[in-house]
Amino acid sequence: MRAFVRAALEDPAAGLGPVDVVEAATGFDALRLLPRGPYQLVISDINMPHINGLELVRFIRQSDQHRETRVLLISTQASERDRERGLSLGADGYLPKPFTPEELWSAVGQHLPSDAPAQRRDG
């Protein structure tokens, strides 16, 4: 999934401009990478080893340094309850899997300032 998201965001057809992609394989990896920010947008799967995406959202929202970082959750858990839970914890958006590159581009475009270079972190 990380390779798919990276390829989709780096595709010039996305219209996002230059994208600085930083990847994390686990929730712990994501937490270790956060201090290297700032990041415009964090894209995180809910289902990750060690620390899940919901816990990652909680950490980001409790952090003074990253509180304003936009967060887009992706997940195969596509029920309305799952979506509401992610948003109630502080995620800015929720994209159910499977999704197309165009759906990802649209979701990312909604959460990035139009004048900011795109940065994405995947967990």
C-alpha atoms as a PDB file:
ATOM      1  CA  MET A   1       0.000   0.000   0.000  1.00  0.00           C
ATOM      2  CA  ARG A   2       2.869   2.400   0.799  1.00  0.00           C
ATOM      3  CA  ALA A   3       4.325   1.836  -2.679  1.00  0.00           C
ATOM      4  CA  PHE A   4       0.920   2.478  -4.284  1.00  0.00           C
ATOM      5  CA  VAL A   5       0.402   5.704  -2.308  1.00  0.00           C
ATOM      6  CA  ARG A   6       3.947   6.901  -3.053  1.00  0.00           C
ATOM      7  CA  ALA A   7       3.601   6.207  -6.769  1.00  0.00           C
ATOM      8  CA  ALA A   8       0.194   7.899  -6.904  1.00  0.00           C
ATOM      9  CA  LEU A   9       1.423  11.037  -5.125  1.00  0.00           C
ATOM     10  CA  GLU A  10       4.623  11.275  -7.142  1.00  0.00           C
ATOM     11  CA  ASP A  11       2.708  10.906 -10.417  1.00  0.00           C
ATOM     12  CA  PRO A  12       2.817  14.249 -12.267  1.00  0.00           C
ATOM     13  CA  ALA A  13      -0.826  13.694 -13.228  1.00  0.00           C
ATOM     14  CA  ALA A  14      -1.702  14.188  -9.548  1.00  0.00           C
ATOM     15  CA  GLY A  15      -1.144  17.909  -9.987  1.00  0.00           C
ATOM     16  CA  LEU A  16       0.356  18.170  -6.495  1.00  0.00           C
ATOM     17  CA  GLY A  17       3.692  19.565  -7.617  1.00  0.00           C
ATOM     18  CA  PRO A  18       6.873  18.250  -6.013  1.00  0.00           C
ATOM     19  CA  VAL A  19       6.034  15.802  -3.245  1.00  0.00           C
ATOM     20  CA  ASP A  20       8.488  14.978  -0.468  1.00  0.00           C
ATOM     21  CA  VAL A  21       7.524  11.453   0.574  1.00  0.00           C
ATOM     22  CA  VAL A  22       8.678  10.084   3.929  1.00  0.00           C
ATOM     23  CA  GLU A  23       7.583   6.538   4.729  1.00  0.00           C
ATOM     24  CA  ALA A  24       7.179   4.667   7.978  1.00  0.00           C
ATOM     25  CA  ALA A  25       6.543   0.913   8.055  1.00  0.00           C
ATOM     26  CA  THR A  26       5.133   0.849  11.595  1.00  0.00           C
ATOM     27  CA  GLY A  27       3.505   3.196  14.053  1.00  0.00           C
ATOM     28  CA  PHE A  28       6.739   3.276  16.080  1.00  0.00           C
ATOM     29  CA  ASP A  29       8.644   4.279  12.947  1.00  0.00           C
ATOM     30  CA  ALA A  30       6.139   7.074  12.372  1.00  0.00           C
ATOM     31  CA  LEU A  31       6.630   8.356  15.921  1.00  0.00           C
ATOM     32  CA  ARG A  32      10.411   8.315  15.447  1.00  0.00           C
ATOM     33  CA  LEU A  33      10.090  10.311  12.211  1.00  0.00           C
ATOM     34  CA  LEU A  34       7.715  12.978  13.534  1.00  0.00           C
ATOM     35  CA  PRO A  35      10.444  15.104  15.197  1.00  0.00           C
ATOM     36  CA  ARG A  36      12.118  15.429  11.775  1.00  0.00           C
ATOM     37  CA  GLY A  37       9.063  17.398  10.549  1.00  0.00           C
ATOM     38  CA  PRO A  38       7.254  19.666  10.133  1.00  0.00           C
ATOM     39  CA  TYR A  39       4.937  17.819   7.787  1.00  0.00           C
ATOM     40  CA  GLN A  40       2.076  19.298   5.800  1.00  0.00           C
ATOM     41  CA  LEU A  41       0.168  16.019   5.795  1.00  0.00           C
ATOM     42  CA  VAL A  42       0.410  12.616   7.438  1.00  0.00           C
ATOM     43  CA  ILE A  43      -1.311   9.751   5.637  1.00  0.00           C
ATOM     44  CA  SER A  44      -1.687   6.785   7.926  1.00  0.00           C
ATOM     45  CA  ASP A  45      -3.344   3.435   7.678  1.00  0.00           C
ATOM     46  CA  ILE A  46      -5.386   2.568  10.735  1.00  0.00           C
ATOM     47  CA  ASN A  47      -3.975  -0.965  10.755  1.00  0.00           C
ATOM     48  CA  MET A  48      -0.252  -0.762  11.427  1.00  0.00           C
ATOM     49  CA  PRO A  49       2.063  -2.896  13.545  1.00  0.00           C
ATOM     50  CA  HIS A  50       2.854  -1.785  17.105  1.00  0.00           C
ATOM     51  CA  ILE A  51       0.955   1.533  17.166  1.00  0.00           C
ATOM     52  CA  ASN A  52      -2.146   1.847  15.029  1.00  0.00           C
ATOM     53  CA  GLY A  53      -3.198   4.895  13.057  1.00  0.00           C
ATOM     54  CA  LEU A  54      -5.768   5.970  15.651  1.00  0.00           C
ATOM     55  CA  GLU A  55      -3.092   6.035  18.350  1.00  0.00           C
ATOM     56  CA  LEU A  56      -0.838   7.959  15.983  1.00  0.00           C
ATOM     57  CA  VAL A  57      -3.573  10.572  15.458  1.00  0.00           C
ATOM     58  CA  ARG A  58      -3.931  10.934  19.240  1.00  0.00           C
ATOM     59  CA  PHE A  59      -0.189  11.485  19.599  1.00  0.00           C
ATOM     60  CA  ILE A  60      -0.105  14.064  16.805  1.00  0.00           C
ATOM     61  CA  ARG A  61      -3.020  16.017  18.290  1.00  0.00           C
ATOM     62  CA  GLN A  62      -1.401  16.021  21.748  1.00  0.00           C
ATOM     63  CA  SER A  63       1.940  17.255  20.404  1.00  0.00           C
ATOM     64  CA  ASP A  64       2.539  21.007  20.461  1.00  0.00           C
ATOM     65  CA  GLN A  65       4.907  20.671  17.490  1.00  0.00           C
ATOM     66  CA  HIS A  66       2.488  18.700  15.286  1.00  0.00           C
ATOM     67  CA  ARG A  67      -0.959  19.703  16.512  1.00  0.00           C
ATOM     68  CA  GLU A  68      -1.673  21.569  13.249  1.00  0.00           C
ATOM     69  CA  THR A  69      -0.385  18.795  10.985  1.00  0.00           C
ATOM     70  CA  ARG A  70      -3.163  17.535   8.745  1.00  0.00           C
ATOM     71  CA  VAL A  71      -3.928  13.803   9.037  1.00  0.00           C
ATOM     72  CA  LEU A  72      -5.609  11.598   6.443  1.00  0.00           C
ATOM     73  CA  LEU A  73      -6.503   8.088   7.598  1.00  0.00           C
ATOM     74  CA  ILE A  74      -6.831   5.235   5.142  1.00  0.00           C
ATOM     75  CA  SER A  75      -8.342   1.895   6.028  1.00  0.00           C
ATOM     76  CA  THR A  76     -10.211  -1.178   4.912  1.00  0.00           C
ATOM     77  CA  GLN A  77     -12.429  -0.474   7.929  1.00  0.00           C
ATOM     78  CA  ALA A  78     -14.939   1.527   5.959  1.00  0.00           C
ATOM     79  CA  SER A  79     -17.986   1.631   8.212  1.00  0.00           C
ATOM     80  CA  GLU A  80     -19.436   5.000   9.225  1.00  0.00           C
ATOM     81  CA  ARG A  81     -18.567   4.142  12.841  1.00  0.00           C
ATOM     82  CA  ASP A  82     -14.892   3.648  11.938  1.00  0.00           C
ATOM     83  CA  ARG A  83     -14.841   6.902   9.982  1.00  0.00           C
ATOM     84  CA  GLU A  84     -16.464   8.837  12.826  1.00  0.00           C
ATOM     85  CA  ARG A  85     -14.038   7.349  15.345  1.00  0.00           C
ATOM     86  CA  GLY A  86     -11.024   8.468  13.303  1.00  0.00           C
ATOM     87  CA  LEU A  87     -12.424  11.958  12.795  1.00  0.00           C
ATOM     88  CA  SER A  88     -13.410  12.291  16.462  1.00  0.00           C
ATOM     89  CA  LEU A  89      -9.816  11.549  17.464  1.00  0.00           C
ATOM     90  CA  GLY A  90      -8.621  14.404  15.296  1.00  0.00           C
ATOM     91  CA  ALA A  91      -8.077  13.051  11.801  1.00  0.00           C
ATOM     92  CA  ASP A  92      -8.902  15.597   9.106  1.00  0.00           C
ATOM     93  CA  GLY A  93     -10.036  13.048   6.550  1.00  0.00           C
ATOM     94  CA  TYR A  94     -10.795   9.389   6.060  1.00  0.00           C
ATOM     95  CA  LEU A  95     -10.358   7.462   2.814  1.00  0.00           C
ATOM     96  CA  PRO A  96     -11.666   3.889   2.700  1.00  0.00           C
ATOM     97  CA  LYS A  97      -9.718   1.228   0.798  1.00  0.00           C
ATOM     98  CA  PRO A  98      -9.660   0.318  -1.943  1.00  0.00           C
ATOM     99  CA  PHE A  99      -9.262   3.696  -3.602  1.00  0.00           C
ATOM    100  CA  THR A 100      -8.028   4.913  -6.958  1.00  0.00           C
ATOM    101  CA  PRO A 101      -5.124   7.311  -7.461  1.00  0.00           C
ATOM    102  CA  GLU A 102      -7.683   9.959  -8.417  1.00  0.00           C
ATOM    103  CA  GLU A 103      -9.562   9.487  -5.131  1.00  0.00           C
ATOM    104  CA  LEU A 104      -6.289   9.779  -3.227  1.00  0.00           C
ATOM    105  CA  TRP A 105      -5.324  12.933  -5.146  1.00  0.00           C
ATOM    106  CA  SER A 106      -8.685  14.466  -4.330  1.00  0.00           C
ATOM    107  CA  ALA A 107      -8.430  13.627  -0.626  1.00  0.00           C
ATOM    108  CA  VAL A 108      -4.872  14.950  -0.408  1.00  0.00           C
ATOM    109  CA  GLY A 109      -5.827  18.093  -2.313  1.00  0.00           C
ATOM    110  CA  GLN A 110      -8.564  18.791   0.207  1.00  0.00           C
ATOM    111  CA  HIS A 111      -6.099  18.723   3.098  1.00  0.00           C
ATOM    112  CA  LEU A 112      -3.049  20.513   1.724  1.00  0.00           C
ATOM    113  CA  PRO A 113      -2.789  24.278   1.503  1.00  0.00           C
ATOM    114  CA  SER A 114      -2.787  25.082  -2.212  1.00  0.00           C
ATOM    115  CA  ASP A 115       0.441  27.104  -1.964  1.00  0.00           C
ATOM    116  CA  ALA A 116       2.382  24.595   0.171  1.00  0.00           C
ATOM    117  CA  PRO A 117       4.773  22.034  -1.262  1.00  0.00           C
ATOM    118  CA  ALA A 118       3.287  18.593  -0.776  1.00  0.00           C
ATOM    119  CA  GLN A 119       4.793  16.399   1.896  1.00  0.00           C
ATOM    120  CA  ARG A 120       3.412  13.024   2.790  1.00  0.00           C
ATOM    121  CA  ARG A 121       4.179  10.592   5.496  1.00  0.00           C
ATOM    122  CA  ASP A 122       2.804   7.111   5.310  1.00  0.00           C
ATOM    123  CA  GLY A 123       2.530   4.767   8.217  1.00  0.00           C
END
